Structures are given as C-alpha cells and as structure tokens.
Amino acid sequence: MSFFNYEKIGLSVDWQWVLITGLFAALYPRLEKGILKVGDYGDITMPELLKVNGWAVVIPVTAGIVLFLAWLESLG
C-alpha cells in the first residue's frame, strides 16, 4: 500500500521509488548541510562518551550479553 496513489496520475507503482530516490538525490546536498549534521559527533566511542576506561564498558556489556543469552536458553 502506498502513501500516495500514483496510478491516479498515470504512473505505475514501480515509478514511485524512482521519483522518491530522485527527489532524495536532488535534496541531499541541502540535507547534508542541515538536518544530517544534527547529532554528528564524529567518531566517538562509548568509553569516550562516558569518560571511562574501555574495560569499564566492555566487562558490563559482556556480562549483560552472557546473562541475556542464559535467560534465552532457560526459556527453552
């Protein structure tokens, strides 16, 4: 189901993706300068974000994954 009925104006449904991608390609330079920069902090890792040693993130995440997998296993 489409959000717009292109068949009303004589276009097949397959052409909607061509139109949408063409519109996105045309607008991308403006989007890149504006909205796509929001929240871009560059290459930052979780330890850098939290200002802690890397192992202070690795060990709890590993423990969380192991506990989650053990819980899934217990479900059968």
N, C-alpha and C. Protein backbone atom coordinates (compact mmCIF):
# COMPACT_ATOMS: atom_id res chain seq x y z
N MET A 1 0.84 -1.18 0.00
CA MET A 1 0.00 0.00 0.00
C MET A 1 0.89 1.25 0.00
N SER A 2 0.57 2.16 -0.83
CA SER A 2 1.36 3.36 -0.99
C SER A 2 0.73 4.52 -0.23
N PHE A 3 1.58 5.46 0.17
CA PHE A 3 1.05 6.64 0.85
C PHE A 3 0.46 7.64 -0.13
N PHE A 4 0.69 7.42 -1.41
CA PHE A 4 0.14 8.28 -2.44
C PHE A 4 -0.27 7.42 -3.61
N ASN A 5 -1.43 7.67 -4.17
CA ASN A 5 -1.92 6.86 -5.27
C ASN A 5 -1.40 7.42 -6.60
N TYR A 6 -0.25 6.88 -7.05
CA TYR A 6 0.37 7.35 -8.29
C TYR A 6 -0.42 6.91 -9.51
N GLU A 7 -1.20 5.86 -9.38
CA GLU A 7 -1.97 5.38 -10.52
C GLU A 7 -3.02 6.40 -10.95
N LYS A 8 -3.45 7.26 -10.04
CA LYS A 8 -4.40 8.32 -10.38
C LYS A 8 -3.83 9.28 -11.42
N ILE A 9 -2.52 9.52 -11.34
CA ILE A 9 -1.92 10.45 -12.28
C ILE A 9 -1.22 9.72 -13.43
N GLY A 10 -1.47 8.41 -13.55
CA GLY A 10 -0.97 7.67 -14.69
C GLY A 10 0.39 7.03 -14.52
N LEU A 11 0.92 6.96 -13.31
CA LEU A 11 2.21 6.32 -13.09
C LEU A 11 1.99 4.96 -12.43
N SER A 12 2.82 4.01 -12.80
CA SER A 12 2.72 2.70 -12.15
C SER A 12 3.38 2.78 -10.78
N VAL A 13 3.10 1.81 -9.95
CA VAL A 13 3.64 1.80 -8.59
C VAL A 13 5.16 1.70 -8.59
N ASP A 14 5.75 1.04 -9.59
CA ASP A 14 7.20 0.89 -9.66
C ASP A 14 7.91 2.23 -9.82
N TRP A 15 7.25 3.20 -10.42
CA TRP A 15 7.87 4.50 -10.65
C TRP A 15 7.94 5.35 -9.39
N GLN A 16 7.18 5.00 -8.36
CA GLN A 16 7.22 5.82 -7.15
C GLN A 16 8.61 5.82 -6.52
N TRP A 17 9.31 4.67 -6.58
CA TRP A 17 10.63 4.61 -5.99
C TRP A 17 11.63 5.42 -6.81
N VAL A 18 11.45 5.46 -8.12
CA VAL A 18 12.31 6.29 -8.96
C VAL A 18 12.11 7.76 -8.61
N LEU A 19 10.87 8.17 -8.43
CA LEU A 19 10.58 9.55 -8.07
C LEU A 19 11.12 9.90 -6.68
N ILE A 20 10.92 9.02 -5.72
CA ILE A 20 11.37 9.29 -4.36
C ILE A 20 12.89 9.35 -4.28
N THR A 21 13.58 8.41 -4.93
CA THR A 21 15.04 8.43 -4.89
C THR A 21 15.60 9.63 -5.65
N GLY A 22 14.96 10.01 -6.74
CA GLY A 22 15.39 11.21 -7.46
C GLY A 22 15.21 12.46 -6.62
N LEU A 23 14.11 12.56 -5.92
CA LEU A 23 13.88 13.69 -5.02
C LEU A 23 14.91 13.72 -3.91
N PHE A 24 15.19 12.56 -3.32
CA PHE A 24 16.20 12.50 -2.27
C PHE A 24 17.57 12.91 -2.80
N ALA A 25 17.94 12.44 -3.99
CA ALA A 25 19.23 12.80 -4.58
C ALA A 25 19.32 14.30 -4.85
N ALA A 26 18.21 14.89 -5.27
CA ALA A 26 18.21 16.33 -5.54
C ALA A 26 18.32 17.14 -4.25
N LEU A 27 17.70 16.65 -3.19
CA LEU A 27 17.70 17.39 -1.92
C LEU A 27 18.89 17.07 -1.01
N TYR A 28 19.66 16.03 -1.33
CA TYR A 28 20.71 15.58 -0.43
C TYR A 28 21.73 16.65 -0.07
N PRO A 29 22.23 17.47 -1.00
CA PRO A 29 23.20 18.49 -0.60
C PRO A 29 22.65 19.44 0.48
N ARG A 30 21.38 19.81 0.36
CA ARG A 30 20.79 20.68 1.38
C ARG A 30 20.63 19.93 2.70
N LEU A 31 20.22 18.67 2.61
CA LEU A 31 20.05 17.87 3.82
C LEU A 31 21.37 17.63 4.52
N GLU A 32 22.43 17.43 3.73
CA GLU A 32 23.75 17.15 4.30
C GLU A 32 24.27 18.33 5.11
N LYS A 33 23.99 19.53 4.66
CA LYS A 33 24.45 20.73 5.38
C LYS A 33 23.60 21.02 6.61
N GLY A 34 22.36 20.57 6.60
CA GLY A 34 21.44 20.92 7.67
C GLY A 34 21.13 19.76 8.60
N ILE A 35 20.05 19.10 8.33
CA ILE A 35 19.49 18.13 9.28
C ILE A 35 20.39 16.90 9.49
N LEU A 36 21.18 16.52 8.50
CA LEU A 36 22.04 15.35 8.67
C LEU A 36 23.23 15.63 9.58
N LYS A 37 23.52 16.89 9.88
CA LYS A 37 24.60 17.25 10.81
C LYS A 37 24.15 17.18 12.26
N VAL A 38 22.86 17.16 12.50
CA VAL A 38 22.34 17.14 13.87
C VAL A 38 22.75 15.84 14.54
N GLY A 39 23.38 15.93 15.66
CA GLY A 39 23.80 14.75 16.40
C GLY A 39 25.07 14.09 15.89
N ASP A 40 25.77 14.72 14.95
CA ASP A 40 27.01 14.16 14.42
C ASP A 40 28.16 14.60 15.31
N TYR A 41 28.68 13.66 16.08
CA TYR A 41 29.80 13.96 16.99
C TYR A 41 31.10 13.38 16.47
N GLY A 42 31.12 12.93 15.24
CA GLY A 42 32.32 12.34 14.68
C GLY A 42 32.48 10.90 15.15
N ASP A 43 33.69 10.43 15.13
CA ASP A 43 33.98 9.07 15.59
C ASP A 43 34.19 9.09 17.09
N ILE A 44 33.16 8.75 17.83
CA ILE A 44 33.26 8.73 19.30
C ILE A 44 32.78 7.36 19.78
N THR A 45 33.50 6.82 20.74
CA THR A 45 33.15 5.50 21.27
C THR A 45 32.40 5.67 22.59
N MET A 46 31.80 4.60 23.06
CA MET A 46 31.09 4.65 24.34
C MET A 46 32.01 5.04 25.49
N PRO A 47 33.23 4.47 25.60
CA PRO A 47 34.11 4.90 26.69
C PRO A 47 34.47 6.39 26.63
N GLU A 48 34.66 6.91 25.43
CA GLU A 48 34.94 8.34 25.30
C GLU A 48 33.74 9.17 25.70
N LEU A 49 32.56 8.72 25.32
CA LEU A 49 31.34 9.43 25.66
C LEU A 49 31.11 9.43 27.17
N LEU A 50 31.38 8.30 27.82
CA LEU A 50 31.18 8.18 29.26
C LEU A 50 32.39 8.64 30.08
N LYS A 51 33.50 8.93 29.38
CA LYS A 51 34.75 9.36 30.01
C LYS A 51 35.27 8.34 31.02
N VAL A 52 35.31 7.07 30.57
CA VAL A 52 35.82 5.98 31.40
C VAL A 52 36.79 5.14 30.57
N ASN A 53 37.50 4.25 31.26
CA ASN A 53 38.38 3.31 30.60
C ASN A 53 37.54 2.37 29.73
N GLY A 54 38.11 1.87 28.67
CA GLY A 54 37.38 0.99 27.76
C GLY A 54 36.87 -0.27 28.43
N TRP A 55 37.65 -0.82 29.36
CA TRP A 55 37.24 -2.04 30.04
C TRP A 55 36.05 -1.82 30.95
N ALA A 56 35.82 -0.59 31.36
CA ALA A 56 34.66 -0.29 32.20
C ALA A 56 33.37 -0.41 31.40
N VAL A 57 33.47 -0.46 30.10
CA VAL A 57 32.31 -0.66 29.24
C VAL A 57 32.26 -2.11 28.74
N VAL A 58 33.41 -2.65 28.38
CA VAL A 58 33.47 -3.99 27.81
C VAL A 58 32.96 -5.05 28.79
N ILE A 59 33.43 -5.00 30.04
CA ILE A 59 33.06 -6.04 31.02
C ILE A 59 31.57 -6.04 31.33
N PRO A 60 30.92 -4.90 31.65
CA PRO A 60 29.47 -4.96 31.90
C PRO A 60 28.65 -5.36 30.67
N VAL A 61 29.06 -4.93 29.49
CA VAL A 61 28.33 -5.30 28.27
C VAL A 61 28.46 -6.80 28.03
N THR A 62 29.66 -7.34 28.23
CA THR A 62 29.87 -8.78 28.06
C THR A 62 29.02 -9.56 29.07
N ALA A 63 29.01 -9.12 30.31
CA ALA A 63 28.21 -9.78 31.34
C ALA A 63 26.72 -9.71 30.98
N GLY A 64 26.29 -8.56 30.48
CA GLY A 64 24.89 -8.41 30.08
C GLY A 64 24.51 -9.35 28.94
N ILE A 65 25.40 -9.50 27.98
CA ILE A 65 25.13 -10.41 26.85
C ILE A 65 25.07 -11.85 27.33
N VAL A 66 26.01 -12.24 28.20
CA VAL A 66 26.01 -13.60 28.73
C VAL A 66 24.74 -13.86 29.52
N LEU A 67 24.33 -12.92 30.37
CA LEU A 67 23.10 -13.10 31.15
C LEU A 67 21.87 -13.17 30.24
N PHE A 68 21.84 -12.34 29.22
CA PHE A 68 20.72 -12.36 28.28
C PHE A 68 20.63 -13.70 27.55
N LEU A 69 21.77 -14.21 27.09
CA LEU A 69 21.79 -15.49 26.39
C LEU A 69 21.42 -16.63 27.33
N ALA A 70 21.86 -16.57 28.59
CA ALA A 70 21.48 -17.60 29.56
C ALA A 70 19.98 -17.56 29.83
N TRP A 71 19.41 -16.36 29.90
CA TRP A 71 17.97 -16.21 30.09
C TRP A 71 17.22 -16.80 28.89
N LEU A 72 17.68 -16.50 27.69
CA LEU A 72 17.03 -17.07 26.49
C LEU A 72 17.11 -18.59 26.52
N GLU A 73 18.25 -19.13 26.92
CA GLU A 73 18.41 -20.57 26.99
C GLU A 73 17.45 -21.18 28.00
N SER A 74 17.22 -20.48 29.10
CA SER A 74 16.34 -21.02 30.15
C SER A 74 14.87 -21.04 29.70
N LEU A 75 14.54 -20.22 28.73
CA LEU A 75 13.18 -20.20 28.22
C LEU A 75 12.84 -21.46 27.44
N GLY A 76 13.88 -22.11 26.98
CA GLY A 76 13.65 -23.39 26.29
C GLY A 76 13.64 -23.21 24.85
